[in-house]
Amino acid sequence: MVSTTAVKRALAALATRTDTATCPAVAVIDEADAARTDLRRAAGFVDAGGLGRLSDAIAAAERDGDDAAAERGREALDAYRRFRAAAAG
């Protein structure tokens, strides 16, 4: 479960975000990739519907011809699937 503090911090970061040059699909892929390094953050990403958003972002990156971002997204999605399989036993 994601803490209230973590949610508030994420919302504050979104409210003050000035980086609008990043493509939304790439931003989701960046978020998914970065969240893999921290168990709580990864769980929060998954709990917030992140895997569906990640799949959509991969498809958008592929449509946009951003092969590097799409590959990073696929690697992240594969990692989340491995995490799930490991957690399931």
N, C-alpha and C. Protein backbone atom coordinates (compact mmCIF):
# COMPACT_ATOMS: atom_id res chain seq x y z
N MET A 1 0.85 -1.17 0.00
CA MET A 1 0.00 0.00 0.00
C MET A 1 0.90 1.23 0.00
N VAL A 2 0.51 2.21 -0.75
CA VAL A 2 1.25 3.45 -0.86
C VAL A 2 0.83 4.36 0.29
N SER A 3 1.82 5.02 0.89
CA SER A 3 1.52 5.90 2.02
C SER A 3 0.92 7.22 1.54
N THR A 4 0.21 7.86 2.43
CA THR A 4 -0.38 9.17 2.13
C THR A 4 0.73 10.17 1.82
N THR A 5 1.82 10.07 2.54
CA THR A 5 2.95 10.98 2.32
C THR A 5 3.51 10.83 0.91
N ALA A 6 3.64 9.58 0.46
CA ALA A 6 4.17 9.34 -0.89
C ALA A 6 3.23 9.90 -1.95
N VAL A 7 1.93 9.74 -1.75
CA VAL A 7 0.95 10.27 -2.70
C VAL A 7 1.02 11.80 -2.73
N LYS A 8 1.08 12.42 -1.55
CA LYS A 8 1.18 13.88 -1.50
C LYS A 8 2.44 14.37 -2.20
N ARG A 9 3.55 13.67 -1.99
CA ARG A 9 4.82 14.06 -2.61
C ARG A 9 4.70 13.95 -4.13
N ALA A 10 4.09 12.87 -4.62
CA ALA A 10 3.93 12.68 -6.06
C ALA A 10 3.03 13.75 -6.67
N LEU A 11 1.94 14.06 -5.99
CA LEU A 11 1.03 15.09 -6.49
C LEU A 11 1.69 16.47 -6.50
N ALA A 12 2.47 16.75 -5.47
CA ALA A 12 3.18 18.03 -5.43
C ALA A 12 4.19 18.12 -6.57
N ALA A 13 4.87 17.01 -6.85
CA ALA A 13 5.84 17.00 -7.95
C ALA A 13 5.14 17.23 -9.28
N LEU A 14 3.98 16.62 -9.46
CA LEU A 14 3.23 16.83 -10.69
C LEU A 14 2.74 18.27 -10.82
N ALA A 15 2.31 18.84 -9.72
CA ALA A 15 1.78 20.21 -9.74
C ALA A 15 2.86 21.23 -10.07
N THR A 16 4.09 20.95 -9.69
CA THR A 16 5.17 21.91 -9.91
C THR A 16 6.06 21.53 -11.08
N ARG A 17 5.70 20.50 -11.79
CA ARG A 17 6.52 20.02 -12.90
C ARG A 17 6.63 21.08 -13.99
N THR A 18 7.86 21.30 -14.43
CA THR A 18 8.08 22.26 -15.50
C THR A 18 8.64 21.59 -16.75
N ASP A 19 8.93 20.32 -16.67
CA ASP A 19 9.48 19.59 -17.81
C ASP A 19 8.36 19.14 -18.73
N THR A 20 7.98 20.01 -19.64
CA THR A 20 6.90 19.67 -20.56
C THR A 20 7.44 19.24 -21.91
N ALA A 21 8.77 19.19 -22.04
CA ALA A 21 9.37 18.77 -23.30
C ALA A 21 9.37 17.25 -23.44
N THR A 22 9.17 16.53 -22.36
CA THR A 22 9.18 15.08 -22.41
C THR A 22 7.83 14.57 -22.92
N CYS A 23 7.91 13.70 -23.90
CA CYS A 23 6.71 13.07 -24.44
C CYS A 23 6.01 12.30 -23.33
N PRO A 24 4.68 12.37 -23.23
CA PRO A 24 3.97 11.66 -22.16
C PRO A 24 4.28 10.17 -22.11
N ALA A 25 4.41 9.52 -23.26
CA ALA A 25 4.73 8.09 -23.27
C ALA A 25 6.11 7.85 -22.68
N VAL A 26 7.06 8.67 -23.04
CA VAL A 26 8.42 8.52 -22.52
C VAL A 26 8.44 8.81 -21.02
N ALA A 27 7.63 9.75 -20.57
CA ALA A 27 7.56 10.05 -19.14
C ALA A 27 7.06 8.83 -18.36
N VAL A 28 6.08 8.12 -18.89
CA VAL A 28 5.57 6.91 -18.23
C VAL A 28 6.65 5.84 -18.22
N ILE A 29 7.35 5.68 -19.32
CA ILE A 29 8.43 4.69 -19.39
C ILE A 29 9.54 5.05 -18.41
N ASP A 30 9.89 6.33 -18.35
CA ASP A 30 10.90 6.79 -17.37
C ASP A 30 10.45 6.47 -15.95
N GLU A 31 9.18 6.75 -15.65
CA GLU A 31 8.63 6.50 -14.32
C GLU A 31 8.70 5.01 -13.98
N ALA A 32 8.30 4.17 -14.92
CA ALA A 32 8.31 2.71 -14.69
C ALA A 32 9.73 2.21 -14.49
N ASP A 33 10.62 2.70 -15.29
CA ASP A 33 12.02 2.27 -15.21
C ASP A 33 12.64 2.68 -13.88
N ALA A 34 12.42 3.91 -13.48
CA ALA A 34 12.98 4.42 -12.22
C ALA A 34 12.36 3.72 -11.01
N ALA A 35 11.08 3.40 -11.08
CA ALA A 35 10.40 2.77 -9.95
C ALA A 35 10.91 1.37 -9.66
N ARG A 36 11.53 0.73 -10.64
CA ARG A 36 12.03 -0.64 -10.43
C ARG A 36 13.12 -0.71 -9.38
N THR A 37 13.77 0.40 -9.09
CA THR A 37 14.89 0.37 -8.15
C THR A 37 14.47 0.41 -6.69
N ASP A 38 13.18 0.62 -6.43
CA ASP A 38 12.69 0.73 -5.05
C ASP A 38 11.39 -0.04 -4.93
N LEU A 39 11.35 -0.99 -4.02
CA LEU A 39 10.19 -1.87 -3.89
C LEU A 39 8.90 -1.10 -3.62
N ARG A 40 8.94 -0.13 -2.71
CA ARG A 40 7.74 0.65 -2.41
C ARG A 40 7.28 1.45 -3.62
N ARG A 41 8.24 2.05 -4.28
CA ARG A 41 7.91 2.84 -5.46
C ARG A 41 7.34 1.95 -6.56
N ALA A 42 7.93 0.77 -6.74
CA ALA A 42 7.44 -0.17 -7.75
C ALA A 42 6.02 -0.61 -7.42
N ALA A 43 5.77 -0.90 -6.16
CA ALA A 43 4.42 -1.31 -5.74
C ALA A 43 3.43 -0.18 -5.97
N GLY A 44 3.83 1.04 -5.67
CA GLY A 44 2.96 2.19 -5.90
C GLY A 44 2.65 2.38 -7.37
N PHE A 45 3.66 2.17 -8.20
CA PHE A 45 3.46 2.30 -9.65
C PHE A 45 2.44 1.27 -10.12
N VAL A 46 2.59 0.03 -9.68
CA VAL A 46 1.66 -1.03 -10.07
C VAL A 46 0.27 -0.76 -9.53
N ASP A 47 0.18 -0.37 -8.24
CA ASP A 47 -1.12 -0.10 -7.62
C ASP A 47 -1.87 1.04 -8.31
N ALA A 48 -1.14 1.96 -8.90
CA ALA A 48 -1.76 3.12 -9.55
C ALA A 48 -2.10 2.84 -11.02
N GLY A 49 -2.14 1.56 -11.38
CA GLY A 49 -2.47 1.22 -12.77
C GLY A 49 -1.33 1.41 -13.72
N GLY A 50 -0.12 1.40 -13.19
CA GLY A 50 1.05 1.68 -14.00
C GLY A 50 1.32 0.70 -15.12
N LEU A 51 0.98 -0.57 -14.91
CA LEU A 51 1.29 -1.55 -15.96
C LEU A 51 0.45 -1.32 -17.21
N GLY A 52 -0.79 -0.94 -17.04
CA GLY A 52 -1.62 -0.59 -18.20
C GLY A 52 -1.10 0.65 -18.90
N ARG A 53 -0.74 1.66 -18.08
CA ARG A 53 -0.19 2.89 -18.67
C ARG A 53 1.13 2.60 -19.38
N LEU A 54 1.93 1.69 -18.79
CA LEU A 54 3.21 1.33 -19.41
C LEU A 54 2.99 0.64 -20.75
N SER A 55 2.05 -0.28 -20.81
CA SER A 55 1.74 -0.95 -22.08
C SER A 55 1.31 0.06 -23.14
N ASP A 56 0.46 1.00 -22.74
CA ASP A 56 0.02 2.05 -23.67
C ASP A 56 1.20 2.92 -24.11
N ALA A 57 2.09 3.22 -23.18
CA ALA A 57 3.25 4.07 -23.49
C ALA A 57 4.20 3.36 -24.45
N ILE A 58 4.36 2.06 -24.28
CA ILE A 58 5.21 1.30 -25.20
C ILE A 58 4.63 1.36 -26.60
N ALA A 59 3.32 1.15 -26.71
CA ALA A 59 2.67 1.21 -28.02
C ALA A 59 2.82 2.61 -28.64
N ALA A 60 2.67 3.65 -27.82
CA ALA A 60 2.82 5.03 -28.33
C ALA A 60 4.24 5.29 -28.79
N ALA A 61 5.22 4.82 -28.03
CA ALA A 61 6.62 5.00 -28.42
C ALA A 61 6.91 4.27 -29.72
N GLU A 62 6.35 3.09 -29.87
CA GLU A 62 6.52 2.35 -31.13
C GLU A 62 5.90 3.11 -32.30
N ARG A 63 4.69 3.66 -32.09
CA ARG A 63 4.03 4.44 -33.15
C ARG A 63 4.84 5.68 -33.51
N ASP A 64 5.47 6.28 -32.49
CA ASP A 64 6.26 7.49 -32.71
C ASP A 64 7.64 7.19 -33.28
N GLY A 65 7.98 5.91 -33.39
CA GLY A 65 9.29 5.54 -33.92
C GLY A 65 10.42 5.68 -32.91
N ASP A 66 10.08 5.79 -31.64
CA ASP A 66 11.09 5.91 -30.58
C ASP A 66 11.44 4.51 -30.09
N ASP A 67 12.29 3.84 -30.86
CA ASP A 67 12.64 2.45 -30.57
C ASP A 67 13.35 2.29 -29.23
N ALA A 68 14.19 3.25 -28.88
CA ALA A 68 14.93 3.15 -27.61
C ALA A 68 13.98 3.20 -26.42
N ALA A 69 13.03 4.13 -26.46
CA ALA A 69 12.06 4.24 -25.37
C ALA A 69 11.17 3.00 -25.31
N ALA A 70 10.74 2.52 -26.47
CA ALA A 70 9.89 1.33 -26.50
C ALA A 70 10.63 0.13 -25.92
N GLU A 71 11.90 -0.01 -26.23
CA GLU A 71 12.69 -1.12 -25.70
C GLU A 71 12.86 -1.00 -24.19
N ARG A 72 13.13 0.21 -23.70
CA ARG A 72 13.22 0.41 -22.24
C ARG A 72 11.90 0.06 -21.57
N GLY A 73 10.81 0.43 -22.22
CA GLY A 73 9.50 0.11 -21.68
C GLY A 73 9.24 -1.39 -21.63
N ARG A 74 9.61 -2.08 -22.71
CA ARG A 74 9.44 -3.54 -22.73
C ARG A 74 10.29 -4.20 -21.65
N GLU A 75 11.51 -3.71 -21.46
CA GLU A 75 12.38 -4.26 -20.41
C GLU A 75 11.77 -4.03 -19.03
N ALA A 76 11.22 -2.86 -18.81
CA ALA A 76 10.59 -2.57 -17.52
C ALA A 76 9.36 -3.45 -17.32
N LEU A 77 8.54 -3.59 -18.36
CA LEU A 77 7.34 -4.42 -18.25
C LEU A 77 7.71 -5.87 -17.96
N ASP A 78 8.75 -6.37 -18.62
CA ASP A 78 9.22 -7.73 -18.36
C ASP A 78 9.69 -7.86 -16.91
N ALA A 79 10.37 -6.84 -16.40
CA ALA A 79 10.84 -6.88 -15.01
C ALA A 79 9.66 -6.93 -14.04
N TYR A 80 8.64 -6.13 -14.29
CA TYR A 80 7.46 -6.15 -13.41
C TYR A 80 6.77 -7.51 -13.46
N ARG A 81 6.75 -8.12 -14.61
CA ARG A 81 6.15 -9.46 -14.73
C ARG A 81 6.96 -10.48 -13.94
N ARG A 82 8.28 -10.36 -13.99
CA ARG A 82 9.14 -11.25 -13.21
C ARG A 82 8.93 -11.01 -11.71
N PHE A 83 8.77 -9.75 -11.30
CA PHE A 83 8.51 -9.43 -9.89
C PHE A 83 7.23 -10.12 -9.46
N ARG A 84 6.20 -10.01 -10.29
CA ARG A 84 4.90 -10.61 -9.97
C ARG A 84 5.01 -12.13 -9.85
N ALA A 85 5.73 -12.74 -10.78
CA ALA A 85 5.89 -14.19 -10.74
C ALA A 85 6.65 -14.62 -9.49
N ALA A 86 7.67 -13.88 -9.13
CA ALA A 86 8.44 -14.20 -7.93
C ALA A 86 7.58 -14.04 -6.67
N ALA A 87 6.77 -13.01 -6.65
CA ALA A 87 5.90 -12.77 -5.49
C ALA A 87 4.83 -13.85 -5.36
N ALA A 88 4.39 -14.37 -6.50
CA ALA A 88 3.36 -15.41 -6.48
C ALA A 88 3.92 -16.77 -6.04
N GLY A 89 5.24 -16.88 -6.10
CA GLY A 89 5.89 -18.12 -5.64
C GLY A 89 6.06 -19.06 -6.75
